[in-house]
């Protein structure tokens, strides 16, 4: 998306040799503007990974307890994380 915007902006440049300069400047500015959003997305992804890991770790320990007790009673269920994408993959 950033490259597409930069190409549109530099296309209008009439002076010879300035298209690359304008393209580079627009790419740098757009990247700087998008950086906070990317950082938030990475943080959200890490939080989802932690939920996934804790849910599977809890399920693993429940299965081990189930087997240790002679596999009697109810089978353990995976605890849902609240994130629809992760829950669909688990369930």
N, C-alpha and C. Protein backbone atom coordinates (compact mmCIF):
# COMPACT_ATOMS: atom_id res chain seq x y z
N UNK A 1 0.82 -1.18 0.00
CA UNK A 1 0.00 0.00 0.00
C UNK A 1 0.88 1.26 0.00
N UNK A 2 1.93 1.23 0.81
CA UNK A 2 2.83 2.38 0.89
C UNK A 2 3.50 2.62 -0.46
N UNK A 3 3.94 1.56 -1.09
CA UNK A 3 4.61 1.69 -2.39
C UNK A 3 3.64 2.22 -3.44
N UNK A 4 2.40 1.78 -3.39
CA UNK A 4 1.39 2.26 -4.35
C UNK A 4 1.17 3.76 -4.19
N UNK A 5 1.06 4.22 -2.96
CA UNK A 5 0.88 5.66 -2.71
C UNK A 5 2.10 6.43 -3.20
N UNK A 6 3.29 5.91 -2.90
CA UNK A 6 4.51 6.59 -3.30
C UNK A 6 4.63 6.66 -4.83
N UNK A 7 4.24 5.59 -5.51
CA UNK A 7 4.30 5.61 -6.97
C UNK A 7 3.35 6.64 -7.56
N UNK A 8 2.16 6.78 -6.98
CA UNK A 8 1.22 7.77 -7.47
C UNK A 8 1.73 9.18 -7.27
N UNK A 9 2.35 9.42 -6.11
CA UNK A 9 2.86 10.76 -5.83
C UNK A 9 4.04 11.10 -6.74
N UNK A 10 4.97 10.16 -6.93
CA UNK A 10 6.16 10.47 -7.73
C UNK A 10 5.87 10.49 -9.22
N UNK A 11 4.77 9.93 -9.66
CA UNK A 11 4.40 9.94 -11.07
C UNK A 11 4.19 11.37 -11.58
N UNK A 12 3.73 12.24 -10.70
CA UNK A 12 3.44 13.62 -11.08
C UNK A 12 4.70 14.48 -11.19
N UNK A 13 5.82 13.99 -10.71
CA UNK A 13 7.07 14.77 -10.75
C UNK A 13 7.54 14.94 -12.19
N UNK A 14 7.79 16.18 -12.60
CA UNK A 14 8.18 16.49 -13.98
C UNK A 14 9.70 16.61 -14.13
N UNK A 15 10.39 17.01 -13.05
CA UNK A 15 11.84 17.22 -13.17
C UNK A 15 12.57 15.89 -13.25
N UNK A 16 13.55 15.83 -14.11
CA UNK A 16 14.32 14.62 -14.32
C UNK A 16 15.22 14.36 -13.10
N UNK A 17 15.22 13.13 -12.63
CA UNK A 17 16.08 12.76 -11.51
C UNK A 17 15.46 12.94 -10.14
N UNK A 18 14.29 13.54 -10.05
CA UNK A 18 13.66 13.77 -8.76
C UNK A 18 12.60 12.74 -8.41
N UNK A 19 12.23 11.88 -9.37
CA UNK A 19 11.21 10.88 -9.10
C UNK A 19 11.65 9.91 -8.01
N UNK A 20 12.90 9.44 -8.07
CA UNK A 20 13.41 8.52 -7.07
C UNK A 20 13.50 9.19 -5.70
N UNK A 21 13.92 10.45 -5.68
CA UNK A 21 13.99 11.19 -4.43
C UNK A 21 12.61 11.33 -3.80
N UNK A 22 11.63 11.71 -4.60
CA UNK A 22 10.27 11.88 -4.09
C UNK A 22 9.69 10.53 -3.65
N UNK A 23 9.95 9.49 -4.44
CA UNK A 23 9.48 8.15 -4.08
C UNK A 23 10.06 7.71 -2.74
N UNK A 24 11.34 7.91 -2.53
CA UNK A 24 12.00 7.54 -1.27
C UNK A 24 11.45 8.34 -0.10
N UNK A 25 11.24 9.62 -0.32
CA UNK A 25 10.72 10.48 0.76
C UNK A 25 9.30 10.06 1.15
N UNK A 26 8.46 9.79 0.17
CA UNK A 26 7.08 9.38 0.46
C UNK A 26 7.06 8.03 1.17
N UNK A 27 7.91 7.10 0.73
CA UNK A 27 7.98 5.79 1.40
C UNK A 27 8.41 5.95 2.85
N UNK A 28 9.40 6.80 3.10
CA UNK A 28 9.88 7.01 4.46
C UNK A 28 8.81 7.65 5.34
N UNK A 29 8.10 8.63 4.82
CA UNK A 29 7.05 9.30 5.59
C UNK A 29 5.90 8.35 5.89
N UNK A 30 5.45 7.61 4.88
CA UNK A 30 4.34 6.66 5.09
C UNK A 30 4.73 5.56 6.07
N UNK A 31 5.96 5.10 6.01
CA UNK A 31 6.41 4.07 6.94
C UNK A 31 6.45 4.61 8.36
N UNK A 32 6.91 5.84 8.51
CA UNK A 32 6.94 6.46 9.84
C UNK A 32 5.53 6.65 10.39
N UNK A 33 4.59 6.98 9.53
CA UNK A 33 3.21 7.15 9.99
C UNK A 33 2.54 5.82 10.33
N UNK A 34 2.94 4.75 9.65
CA UNK A 34 2.32 3.44 9.87
C UNK A 34 2.96 2.67 11.02
N UNK A 35 4.13 3.07 11.48
CA UNK A 35 4.86 2.33 12.50
C UNK A 35 4.08 2.12 13.80
N UNK A 36 3.39 3.13 14.35
CA UNK A 36 2.64 2.88 15.60
C UNK A 36 1.54 1.83 15.43
N UNK A 37 0.88 1.83 14.29
CA UNK A 37 -0.16 0.82 14.05
C UNK A 37 0.42 -0.57 13.94
N UNK A 38 1.58 -0.68 13.31
CA UNK A 38 2.23 -1.98 13.20
C UNK A 38 2.67 -2.48 14.57
N UNK A 39 3.17 -1.58 15.39
CA UNK A 39 3.59 -1.96 16.74
C UNK A 39 2.41 -2.48 17.56
N UNK A 40 1.26 -1.82 17.44
CA UNK A 40 0.07 -2.27 18.16
C UNK A 40 -0.38 -3.64 17.66
N UNK A 41 -0.29 -3.88 16.36
CA UNK A 41 -0.69 -5.17 15.81
C UNK A 41 0.23 -6.29 16.29
N UNK A 42 1.51 -6.01 16.38
CA UNK A 42 2.46 -7.01 16.87
C UNK A 42 2.18 -7.33 18.34
N UNK A 43 1.90 -6.30 19.14
CA UNK A 43 1.59 -6.51 20.56
C UNK A 43 0.32 -7.34 20.72
N UNK A 44 -0.68 -7.06 19.90
CA UNK A 44 -1.93 -7.82 19.97
C UNK A 44 -1.70 -9.28 19.58
N UNK A 45 -0.84 -9.51 18.60
CA UNK A 45 -0.50 -10.86 18.19
C UNK A 45 0.22 -11.62 19.29
N UNK A 46 1.12 -10.94 19.99
CA UNK A 46 1.83 -11.59 21.10
C UNK A 46 0.86 -11.97 22.22
N UNK A 47 -0.10 -11.10 22.49
CA UNK A 47 -1.09 -11.40 23.53
C UNK A 47 -1.92 -12.62 23.14
N UNK A 48 -2.28 -12.72 21.87
CA UNK A 48 -3.03 -13.89 21.40
C UNK A 48 -2.21 -15.16 21.51
N UNK A 49 -0.90 -15.06 21.23
CA UNK A 49 -0.03 -16.22 21.37
C UNK A 49 0.05 -16.68 22.82
N UNK A 50 0.08 -15.71 23.76
CA UNK A 50 0.13 -16.07 25.17
C UNK A 50 -1.16 -16.78 25.60
N UNK A 51 -2.31 -16.29 25.11
CA UNK A 51 -3.58 -16.94 25.42
C UNK A 51 -3.60 -18.36 24.87
N UNK A 52 -3.14 -18.52 23.65
CA UNK A 52 -3.10 -19.83 23.00
C UNK A 52 -2.22 -20.78 23.80
N UNK A 53 -1.03 -20.31 24.19
CA UNK A 53 -0.09 -21.15 24.93
C UNK A 53 -0.64 -21.54 26.29
N UNK A 54 -1.22 -20.60 27.00
CA UNK A 54 -1.75 -20.92 28.33
C UNK A 54 -2.93 -21.88 28.24
N UNK A 55 -3.77 -21.72 27.22
CA UNK A 55 -4.91 -22.62 27.05
C UNK A 55 -4.45 -24.04 26.75
N UNK A 56 -3.50 -24.17 25.85
CA UNK A 56 -3.00 -25.51 25.51
C UNK A 56 -2.21 -26.13 26.65
N UNK A 57 -1.49 -25.32 27.41
CA UNK A 57 -0.75 -25.82 28.56
C UNK A 57 -1.71 -26.35 29.63
N UNK A 58 -2.78 -25.61 29.86
CA UNK A 58 -3.78 -26.06 30.83
C UNK A 58 -4.45 -27.35 30.36
N UNK A 59 -4.76 -27.44 29.08
CA UNK A 59 -5.36 -28.65 28.53
C UNK A 59 -4.41 -29.84 28.68
N UNK A 60 -3.14 -29.62 28.44
CA UNK A 60 -2.13 -30.67 28.56
C UNK A 60 -2.07 -31.19 29.99
N UNK A 61 -2.05 -30.29 30.95
CA UNK A 61 -1.99 -30.73 32.34
C UNK A 61 -3.28 -31.47 32.73
N UNK A 62 -4.43 -31.03 32.22
CA UNK A 62 -5.69 -31.72 32.51
C UNK A 62 -5.70 -33.13 31.92
N UNK A 63 -5.15 -33.28 30.72
CA UNK A 63 -5.09 -34.60 30.09
C UNK A 63 -4.17 -35.51 30.89
N UNK A 64 -3.04 -34.98 31.35
CA UNK A 64 -2.13 -35.79 32.16
C UNK A 64 -2.79 -36.24 33.46
N UNK A 65 -3.54 -35.35 34.10
CA UNK A 65 -4.26 -35.73 35.32
C UNK A 65 -5.31 -36.80 35.00
N UNK A 66 -6.00 -36.65 33.88
CA UNK A 66 -7.02 -37.61 33.47
C UNK A 66 -6.41 -39.00 33.28
N UNK A 67 -5.26 -39.06 32.64
CA UNK A 67 -4.58 -40.33 32.41
C UNK A 67 -4.03 -40.90 33.72
N UNK A 68 -3.48 -40.05 34.57
CA UNK A 68 -2.94 -40.50 35.86
C UNK A 68 -4.02 -41.11 36.75
N UNK A 69 -5.24 -40.63 36.63
CA UNK A 69 -6.34 -41.14 37.45
C UNK A 69 -7.04 -42.34 36.81
N UNK A 70 -6.41 -42.94 35.83
CA UNK A 70 -6.95 -44.16 35.24
C UNK A 70 -7.94 -43.91 34.13
N UNK A 71 -7.97 -42.72 33.57
CA UNK A 71 -8.86 -42.37 32.46
C UNK A 71 -10.32 -42.62 32.81
N UNK A 72 -10.70 -42.24 34.01
CA UNK A 72 -12.09 -42.36 34.43
C UNK A 72 -12.68 -40.97 34.58
N UNK A 73 -13.94 -40.84 34.34
CA UNK A 73 -14.62 -39.55 34.44
C UNK A 73 -14.74 -38.89 33.08
N UNK A 74 -14.96 -37.58 33.11
CA UNK A 74 -15.14 -36.82 31.87
C UNK A 74 -13.82 -36.49 31.22
N UNK A 75 -13.81 -36.50 29.91
CA UNK A 75 -12.63 -36.05 29.17
C UNK A 75 -12.45 -34.56 29.39
N UNK A 76 -11.21 -34.10 29.53
CA UNK A 76 -10.99 -32.65 29.70
C UNK A 76 -11.28 -31.90 28.40
N UNK A 77 -11.79 -30.69 28.55
CA UNK A 77 -12.08 -29.82 27.40
C UNK A 77 -11.05 -28.71 27.34
N UNK A 78 -10.88 -28.16 26.15
CA UNK A 78 -10.00 -27.02 25.97
C UNK A 78 -10.76 -25.77 26.41
N UNK A 79 -10.11 -24.95 27.24
CA UNK A 79 -10.72 -23.71 27.69
C UNK A 79 -10.60 -22.67 26.58
N UNK A 80 -11.71 -22.04 26.21
CA UNK A 80 -11.71 -21.06 25.13
C UNK A 80 -11.03 -19.77 25.58
N UNK A 81 -10.39 -19.09 24.64
CA UNK A 81 -9.63 -17.89 24.96
C UNK A 81 -10.43 -16.60 24.83
N UNK A 82 -11.52 -16.62 24.10
CA UNK A 82 -12.30 -15.41 23.86
C UNK A 82 -11.99 -14.78 22.50
N UNK A 83 -10.92 -15.21 21.86
CA UNK A 83 -10.56 -14.74 20.53
C UNK A 83 -11.17 -15.72 19.52
N UNK A 84 -12.09 -15.28 18.66
CA UNK A 84 -12.78 -16.20 17.75
C UNK A 84 -11.84 -16.97 16.83
N UNK A 85 -10.78 -16.34 16.34
CA UNK A 85 -9.86 -17.02 15.42
C UNK A 85 -9.11 -18.14 16.13
N UNK A 86 -8.65 -17.85 17.33
CA UNK A 86 -7.91 -18.87 18.10
C UNK A 86 -8.86 -19.97 18.55
N UNK A 87 -10.04 -19.60 19.01
CA UNK A 87 -11.01 -20.59 19.48
C UNK A 87 -11.43 -21.54 18.37
N UNK A 88 -11.53 -21.03 17.13
CA UNK A 88 -11.91 -21.87 16.01
C UNK A 88 -10.79 -22.89 15.73
N UNK A 89 -9.55 -22.46 15.86
CA UNK A 89 -8.42 -23.37 15.63
C UNK A 89 -8.33 -24.42 16.72
N UNK A 90 -8.66 -24.07 17.94
CA UNK A 90 -8.60 -25.01 19.07
C UNK A 90 -9.73 -26.00 18.99
N UNK A 91 -10.95 -25.49 18.78
CA UNK A 91 -12.14 -26.25 18.97
C UNK A 91 -12.56 -27.13 17.87
